[in-house]
PDB file of N, CA and C in Angstrom:
ATOM      1  N   MET A   1     -11.576   4.129 -11.114  1.00  0.00           N
ATOM      2  CA  MET A   1     -10.415   3.200 -10.542  1.00  0.00           C
ATOM      3  C   MET A   1      -9.474   3.025 -11.058  1.00  0.00           C
ATOM      4  N   PHE A   2      -8.009   2.671 -10.787  1.00  0.00           N
ATOM      5  CA  PHE A   2      -7.152   2.060 -11.382  1.00  0.00           C
ATOM      6  C   PHE A   2      -6.097   1.528 -10.368  1.00  0.00           C
ATOM      7  N   THR A   3      -4.749   0.827 -11.217  1.00  0.00           N
ATOM      8  CA  THR A   3      -4.224  -0.196 -10.504  1.00  0.00           C
ATOM      9  C   THR A   3      -2.657   0.358 -10.615  1.00  0.00           C
ATOM     10  N   ILE A   4      -2.051   0.304  -9.676  1.00  0.00           N
ATOM     11  CA  ILE A   4      -0.632   0.511  -9.501  1.00  0.00           C
ATOM     12  C   ILE A   4       0.189  -0.798  -9.159  1.00  0.00           C
ATOM     13  N   GLY A   5       0.873  -1.237 -10.215  1.00  0.00           N
ATOM     14  CA  GLY A   5       2.068  -1.962  -9.709  1.00  0.00           C
ATOM     15  C   GLY A   5       1.217  -3.424 -10.215  1.00  0.00           C
ATOM     16  N   GLN A   6       2.059  -4.795  -9.921  1.00  0.00           N
ATOM     17  CA  GLN A   6       1.268  -5.909 -10.076  1.00  0.00           C
ATOM     18  C   GLN A   6       1.267  -6.718  -8.552  1.00  0.00           C
ATOM     19  N   ALA A   7       0.000  -7.569  -8.824  1.00  0.00           N
ATOM     20  CA  ALA A   7       0.086  -8.496  -7.704  1.00  0.00           C
ATOM     21  C   ALA A   7       1.750  -9.309  -7.140  1.00  0.00           C
ATOM     22  N   PRO A   8       1.800  -9.655  -5.790  1.00  0.00           N
ATOM     23  CA  PRO A   8       0.947  -9.091  -4.640  1.00  0.00           C
ATOM     24  C   PRO A   8       1.192  -7.780  -4.213  1.00  0.00           C
ATOM     25  N   ASN A   9       2.204  -7.038  -5.103  1.00  0.00           N
ATOM     26  CA  ASN A   9       2.738  -5.628  -4.957  1.00  0.00           C
ATOM     27  C   ASN A   9       1.828  -4.556  -5.702  1.00  0.00           C
ATOM     28  N   ASP A  10       0.465  -5.148  -5.680  1.00  0.00           N
ATOM     29  CA  ASP A  10      -0.456  -3.914  -6.238  1.00  0.00           C
ATOM     30  C   ASP A  10      -1.096  -2.916  -5.500  1.00  0.00           C
ATOM     31  N   ALA A  11      -1.788  -1.982  -5.738  1.00  0.00           N
ATOM     32  CA  ALA A  11      -2.730  -1.146  -5.177  1.00  0.00           C
ATOM     33  C   ALA A  11      -3.922  -0.824  -6.157  1.00  0.00           C
ATOM     34  N   VAL A  12      -4.945  -1.444  -5.483  1.00  0.00           N
ATOM     35  CA  VAL A  12      -6.065  -0.800  -6.367  1.00  0.00           C
ATOM     36  C   VAL A  12      -6.661   0.781  -5.819  1.00  0.00           C
ATOM     37  N   VAL A  13      -6.604   1.685  -6.224  1.00  0.00           N
ATOM     38  CA  VAL A  13      -7.156   2.701  -6.048  1.00  0.00           C
ATOM     39  C   VAL A  13      -8.542   3.302  -6.459  1.00  0.00           C
ATOM     40  N   PHE A  14      -9.571   3.291  -5.507  1.00  0.00           N
ATOM     41  CA  PHE A  14     -10.913   3.514  -5.654  1.00  0.00           C
ATOM     42  C   PHE A  14     -11.177   4.607  -5.783  1.00  0.00           C
ATOM     43  N   LEU A  15     -10.794   5.669  -6.964  1.00  0.00           N
ATOM     44  CA  LEU A  15     -10.567   6.718  -7.176  1.00  0.00           C
ATOM     45  C   LEU A  15     -10.304   7.093  -8.311  1.00  0.00           C
ATOM     46  N   GLU A  16     -10.198   8.171  -9.061  1.00  0.00           N
ATOM     47  CA  GLU A  16     -10.142   8.592 -10.514  1.00  0.00           C
ATOM     48  C   GLU A  16      -8.452   9.176 -10.339  1.00  0.00           C
ATOM     49  N   LYS A  17      -7.481   8.780 -11.111  1.00  0.00           N
ATOM     50  CA  LYS A  17      -6.062   9.300 -10.867  1.00  0.00           C
ATOM     51  C   LYS A  17      -6.052  10.944 -10.835  1.00  0.00           C
ATOM     52  N   ASP A  18      -6.980  11.448 -11.461  1.00  0.00           N
ATOM     53  CA  ASP A  18      -6.769  12.582 -11.513  1.00  0.00           C
ATOM     54  C   ASP A  18      -7.137  13.518 -10.368  1.00  0.00           C
ATOM     55  N   HIS A  19      -8.063  12.757  -9.504  1.00  0.00           N
ATOM     56  CA  HIS A  19      -8.155  13.474  -7.982  1.00  0.00           C
ATOM     57  C   HIS A  19      -7.596  13.396  -7.049  1.00  0.00           C
ATOM     58  N   LEU A  20      -6.295  12.667  -7.329  1.00  0.00           N
ATOM     59  CA  LEU A  20      -5.158  12.538  -6.417  1.00  0.00           C
ATOM     60  C   LEU A  20      -4.252  13.492  -6.712  1.00  0.00           C
ATOM     61  N   ASP A  21      -3.364  14.069  -5.542  1.00  0.00           N
ATOM     62  CA  ASP A  21      -2.278  14.866  -5.450  1.00  0.00           C
ATOM     63  C   ASP A  21      -1.264  14.160  -5.688  1.00  0.00           C
ATOM     64  N   ARG A  22      -0.156  14.643  -6.351  1.00  0.00           N
ATOM     65  CA  ARG A  22       1.190  14.130  -6.376  1.00  0.00           C
ATOM     66  C   ARG A  22       1.750  13.498  -5.453  1.00  0.00           C
ATOM     67  N   GLU A  23       1.924  14.268  -3.999  1.00  0.00           N
ATOM     68  CA  GLU A  23       2.082  13.612  -2.873  1.00  0.00           C
ATOM     69  C   GLU A  23       1.655  12.439  -2.267  1.00  0.00           C
ATOM     70  N   THR A  24       0.459  12.323  -2.590  1.00  0.00           N
ATOM     71  CA  THR A  24      -0.529  10.953  -2.376  1.00  0.00           C
ATOM     72  C   THR A  24      -0.219   9.973  -3.204  1.00  0.00           C
ATOM     73  N   LEU A  25      -0.227  10.275  -4.384  1.00  0.00           N
ATOM     74  CA  LEU A  25       0.445   9.178  -5.375  1.00  0.00           C
ATOM     75  C   LEU A  25       1.606   8.534  -5.105  1.00  0.00           C
ATOM     76  N   LYS A  26       2.712   9.705  -4.772  1.00  0.00           N
ATOM     77  CA  LYS A  26       4.063   8.945  -4.007  1.00  0.00           C
ATOM     78  C   LYS A  26       3.936   8.408  -3.182  1.00  0.00           C
ATOM     79  N   GLN A  27       3.075   8.248  -1.989  1.00  0.00           N
ATOM     80  CA  GLN A  27       2.836   7.617  -0.944  1.00  0.00           C
ATOM     81  C   GLN A  27       2.467   6.365  -1.296  1.00  0.00           C
ATOM     82  N   ILE A  28       1.252   6.098  -2.049  1.00  0.00           N
ATOM     83  CA  ILE A  28       0.741   4.851  -3.006  1.00  0.00           C
ATOM     84  C   ILE A  28       1.700   4.017  -3.246  1.00  0.00           C
ATOM     85  N   GLU A  29       2.430   4.686  -4.280  1.00  0.00           N
ATOM     86  CA  GLU A  29       3.532   3.976  -4.895  1.00  0.00           C
ATOM     87  C   GLU A  29       4.504   3.417  -3.780  1.00  0.00           C
ATOM     88  N   ALA A  30       5.190   4.111  -3.097  1.00  0.00           N
ATOM     89  CA  ALA A  30       5.996   3.405  -2.233  1.00  0.00           C
ATOM     90  C   ALA A  30       5.971   2.430  -1.568  1.00  0.00           C
ATOM     91  N   ILE A  31       4.439   2.655  -0.550  1.00  0.00           N
ATOM     92  CA  ILE A  31       3.859   1.547  -0.060  1.00  0.00           C
ATOM     93  C   ILE A  31       3.541   0.302  -0.701  1.00  0.00           C
ATOM     94  N   ALA A  32       2.974   0.435  -1.749  1.00  0.00           N
ATOM     95  CA  ALA A  32       2.661  -0.926  -2.723  1.00  0.00           C
ATOM     96  C   ALA A  32       3.837  -1.764  -2.933  1.00  0.00           C
ATOM     97  N   ALA A  33       4.771  -1.052  -3.133  1.00  0.00           N
ATOM     98  CA  ALA A  33       6.463  -1.593  -3.565  1.00  0.00           C
ATOM     99  C   ALA A  33       6.908  -2.273  -2.113  1.00  0.00           C
ATOM    100  N   HIS A  34       6.353  -1.977  -0.961  1.00  0.00           N
ATOM    101  CA  HIS A  34       7.348  -2.570   0.199  1.00  0.00           C
ATOM    102  C   HIS A  34       6.910  -3.647   0.079  1.00  0.00           C
ATOM    103  N   ALA A  35       8.085  -4.809   0.414  1.00  0.00           N
ATOM    104  CA  ALA A  35       7.924  -6.208   0.915  1.00  0.00           C
ATOM    105  C   ALA A  35       6.852  -6.572   1.689  1.00  0.00           C
ATOM    106  N   SER A  36       6.615  -6.054   2.939  1.00  0.00           N
ATOM    107  CA  SER A  36       5.504  -6.356   3.978  1.00  0.00           C
ATOM    108  C   SER A  36       3.914  -6.186   3.375  1.00  0.00           C
ATOM    109  N   VAL A  37       3.445  -5.481   2.290  1.00  0.00           N
ATOM    110  CA  VAL A  37       2.410  -5.028   2.041  1.00  0.00           C
ATOM    111  C   VAL A  37       2.059  -5.990   0.972  1.00  0.00           C
ATOM    112  N   ALA A  38       1.113  -6.726   0.766  1.00  0.00           N
ATOM    113  CA  ALA A  38       0.451  -7.316  -0.276  1.00  0.00           C
ATOM    114  C   ALA A  38      -0.662  -6.738  -0.534  1.00  0.00           C
ATOM    115  N   HIS A  39      -1.376  -6.967  -1.830  1.00  0.00           N
ATOM    116  CA  HIS A  39      -2.720  -6.481  -2.135  1.00  0.00           C
ATOM    117  C   HIS A  39      -3.314  -5.226  -1.459  1.00  0.00           C
ATOM    118  N   ALA A  40      -2.370  -4.047  -1.518  1.00  0.00           N
ATOM    119  CA  ALA A  40      -3.041  -2.765  -1.192  1.00  0.00           C
ATOM    120  C   ALA A  40      -4.538  -2.398  -1.508  1.00  0.00           C
ATOM    121  N   ARG A  41      -5.260  -1.812  -1.213  1.00  0.00           N
ATOM    122  CA  ARG A  41      -6.272  -1.196  -1.458  1.00  0.00           C
ATOM    123  C   ARG A  41      -6.248   0.275  -1.075  1.00  0.00           C
ATOM    124  N   ILE A  42      -6.936   1.202  -1.802  1.00  0.00           N
ATOM    125  CA  ILE A  42      -6.868   2.521  -1.359  1.00  0.00           C
ATOM    126  C   ILE A  42      -8.102   3.279  -1.729  1.00  0.00           C
ATOM    127  N   MET A  43      -8.797   3.630  -0.458  1.00  0.00           N
ATOM    128  CA  MET A  43     -10.135   4.244  -0.523  1.00  0.00           C
ATOM    129  C   MET A  43     -10.511   5.632  -1.181  1.00  0.00           C
ATOM    130  N   PRO A  44     -11.503   5.471  -1.430  1.00  0.00           N
ATOM    131  CA  PRO A  44     -11.987   7.033  -2.302  1.00  0.00           C
ATOM    132  C   PRO A  44     -11.754   8.521  -1.274  1.00  0.00           C
ATOM    133  N   ASP A  45     -11.320   8.369  -0.007  1.00  0.00           N
ATOM    134  CA  ASP A  45     -11.071   9.455   0.804  1.00  0.00           C
ATOM    135  C   ASP A  45      -9.633   9.570   0.923  1.00  0.00           C
ATOM    136  N   ALA A  46      -8.998   9.135   0.101  1.00  0.00           N
ATOM    137  CA  ALA A  46      -7.456   8.874   0.101  1.00  0.00           C
ATOM    138  C   ALA A  46      -6.593  10.561  -0.011  1.00  0.00           C
ATOM    139  N   HIS A  47      -5.879  10.696   0.804  1.00  0.00           N
ATOM    140  CA  HIS A  47      -5.314  11.857   1.084  1.00  0.00           C
ATOM    141  C   HIS A  47      -3.834  11.772   1.646  1.00  0.00           C
ATOM    142  N   LYS A  48      -2.794  12.478   1.167  1.00  0.00           N
ATOM    143  CA  LYS A  48      -1.440  12.566   2.080  1.00  0.00           C
ATOM    144  C   LYS A  48      -1.750  12.257   3.794  1.00  0.00           C
ATOM    145  N   GLY A  49      -0.860  11.395   4.003  1.00  0.00           N
ATOM    146  CA  GLY A  49      -0.701  11.462   5.585  1.00  0.00           C
ATOM    147  C   GLY A  49       0.529  11.252   6.119  1.00  0.00           C
ATOM    148  N   ASN A  50       0.801  10.978   7.177  1.00  0.00           N
ATOM    149  CA  ASN A  50       2.213  10.938   7.777  1.00  0.00           C
ATOM    150  C   ASN A  50       2.873   9.868   7.605  1.00  0.00           C
ATOM    151  N   GLY A  51       3.478   9.336   6.718  1.00  0.00           N
ATOM    152  CA  GLY A  51       4.298   8.478   6.518  1.00  0.00           C
ATOM    153  C   GLY A  51       3.380   7.095   5.391  1.00  0.00           C
ATOM    154  N   CYS A  52       2.158   7.467   5.472  1.00  0.00           N
ATOM    155  CA  CYS A  52       1.532   6.938   4.512  1.00  0.00           C
ATOM    156  C   CYS A  52      -0.052   7.300   4.401  1.00  0.00           C
ATOM    157  N   CYS A  53      -0.623   7.464   3.279  1.00  0.00           N
ATOM    158  CA  CYS A  53      -2.016   7.992   3.044  1.00  0.00           C
ATOM    159  C   CYS A  53      -2.893   7.623   3.830  1.00  0.00           C
ATOM    160  N   VAL A  54      -3.938   8.399   3.847  1.00  0.00           N
ATOM    161  CA  VAL A  54      -4.987   7.998   4.780  1.00  0.00           C
ATOM    162  C   VAL A  54      -6.003   7.381   3.378  1.00  0.00           C
ATOM    163  N   GLY A  55      -6.732   6.268   4.003  1.00  0.00           N
ATOM    164  CA  GLY A  55      -7.500   5.601   3.188  1.00  0.00           C
ATOM    165  C   GLY A  55      -6.782   4.179   2.497  1.00  0.00           C
ATOM    166  N   PHE A  56      -5.594   3.714   3.470  1.00  0.00           N
ATOM    167  CA  PHE A  56      -4.922   2.624   3.105  1.00  0.00           C
ATOM    168  C   PHE A  56      -5.303   1.572   3.892  1.00  0.00           C
ATOM    169  N   THR A  57      -5.334   0.160   3.185  1.00  0.00           N
ATOM    170  CA  THR A  57      -5.605  -1.067   3.802  1.00  0.00           C
ATOM    171  C   THR A  57      -4.744  -2.019   3.152  1.00  0.00           C
ATOM    172  N   CYS A  58      -4.334  -3.073   3.591  1.00  0.00           N
ATOM    173  CA  CYS A  58      -3.840  -4.258   2.798  1.00  0.00           C
ATOM    174  C   CYS A  58      -4.127  -5.356   3.351  1.00  0.00           C
ATOM    175  N   HIS A  59      -3.943  -6.319   2.566  1.00  0.00           N
ATOM    176  CA  HIS A  59      -3.968  -8.053   3.199  1.00  0.00           C
ATOM    177  C   HIS A  59      -2.823  -7.840   4.160  1.00  0.00           C
ATOM    178  N   LEU A  60      -3.234  -8.724   5.431  1.00  0.00           N
ATOM    179  CA  LEU A  60      -2.321  -8.962   6.040  1.00  0.00           C
ATOM    180  C   LEU A  60      -1.002  -9.933   6.026  1.00  0.00           C
ATOM    181  N   THR A  61       0.112  -9.694   6.386  1.00  0.00           N
ATOM    182  CA  THR A  61       1.170 -10.391   6.289  1.00  0.00           C
ATOM    183  C   THR A  61       1.932 -10.973   7.579  1.00  0.00           C
ATOM    184  N   PRO A  62       2.882 -11.882   7.683  1.00  0.00           N
ATOM    185  CA  PRO A  62       3.688 -11.688   8.796  1.00  0.00           C
ATOM    186  C   PRO A  62       4.475 -10.717   9.535  1.00  0.00           C
ATOM    187  N   THR A  63       4.412  -9.764   8.726  1.00  0.00           N
ATOM    188  CA  THR A  63       5.352  -8.821   9.285  1.00  0.00           C
ATOM    189  C   THR A  63       4.246  -7.233   9.593  1.00  0.00           C
ATOM    190  N   VAL A  64       4.534  -6.279  10.379  1.00  0.00           N
ATOM    191  CA  VAL A  64       4.063  -5.357  10.736  1.00  0.00           C
ATOM    192  C   VAL A  64       4.630  -4.013  10.516  1.00  0.00           C
ATOM    193  N   LEU A  65       4.195  -3.037  10.001  1.00  0.00           N
ATOM    194  CA  LEU A  65       5.225  -1.852   9.953  1.00  0.00           C
ATOM    195  C   LEU A  65       4.251  -0.924  11.057  1.00  0.00           C
ATOM    196  N   PRO A  66       4.872  -0.870  11.803  1.00  0.00           N
ATOM    197  CA  PRO A  66       4.104   0.075  13.217  1.00  0.00           C
ATOM    198  C   PRO A  66       3.957   1.504  12.640  1.00  0.00           C
ATOM    199  N   GLY A  67       4.498   2.091  11.718  1.00  0.00           N
ATOM    200  CA  GLY A  67       4.561   3.288  11.227  1.00  0.00           C
ATOM    201  C   GLY A  67       3.051   3.802  10.511  1.00  0.00           C
ATOM    202  N   LEU A  68       2.693   2.399  10.038  1.00  0.00           N
ATOM    203  CA  LEU A  68       1.679   2.457   9.253  1.00  0.00           C
ATOM    204  C   LEU A  68       0.235   2.528  10.101  1.00  0.00           C
ATOM    205  N   ILE A  69       0.335   1.917  11.406  1.00  0.00           N
ATOM    206  CA  ILE A  69      -0.776   1.958  12.232  1.00  0.00           C
ATOM    207  C   ILE A  69      -1.559   3.239  12.864  1.00  0.00           C
ATOM    208  N   GLY A  70      -2.710   3.679  12.623  1.00  0.00           N
ATOM    209  CA  GLY A  70      -2.930   4.799  13.276  1.00  0.00           C
ATOM    210  C   GLY A  70      -2.649   5.717  12.733  1.00  0.00           C
ATOM    211  N   GLY A  71      -2.152   6.076  11.454  1.00  0.00           N
ATOM    212  CA  GLY A  71      -1.496   7.353  10.950  1.00  0.00           C
ATOM    213  C   GLY A  71      -2.924   8.292  10.929  1.00  0.00           C
ATOM    214  N   ASP A  72      -3.775   7.875  10.714  1.00  0.00           N
ATOM    215  CA  ASP A  72      -5.075   8.496  10.341  1.00  0.00           C
ATOM    216  C   ASP A  72      -5.729   8.922  11.373  1.00  0.00           C
ATOM    217  N   ILE A  73      -5.445   8.576  12.835  1.00  0.00           N
ATOM    218  CA  ILE A  73      -6.313   8.775  14.020  1.00  0.00           C
ATOM    219  C   ILE A  73      -6.252  10.462  14.142  1.00  0.00           C
ATOM    220  N   GLY A  74      -7.640  10.842  14.194  1.00  0.00           N
ATOM    221  CA  GLY A  74      -8.117  12.429  14.709  1.00  0.00           C
ATOM    222  C   GLY A  74      -7.908  12.929  12.711  1.00  0.00           C
ATOM    223  N   CYS A  75      -7.939  12.301  12.133  1.00  0.00           N
ATOM    224  CA  CYS A  75      -7.952  12.784  10.899  1.00  0.00           C
ATOM    225  C   CYS A  75      -9.555  13.158  10.582  1.00  0.00           C
ATOM    226  N   GLY A  76      -9.900  14.376  10.242  1.00  0.00           N
ATOM    227  CA  GLY A  76     -11.185  15.132   9.977  1.00  0.00           C
ATOM    228  C   GLY A  76     -11.916  15.053  11.054  1.00  0.00           C
TER     229      GLY A  76
END
């Protein structure tokens, strides 16, 4: 487990860093830094997705990023 960034723009990743590929890590870093995302959590099944990695969750904020919703539908 490791953390990217600082609260509230942090992402706690419940996986060892060496188990993530570079593209997934880049997606996590980008989404954690977004103003609409707070306290992101990345589950152990994380992998590169369409715009956002699969396994992403975060604290609800007043704004919604439609591109993040359902990006993993049909995954697996």
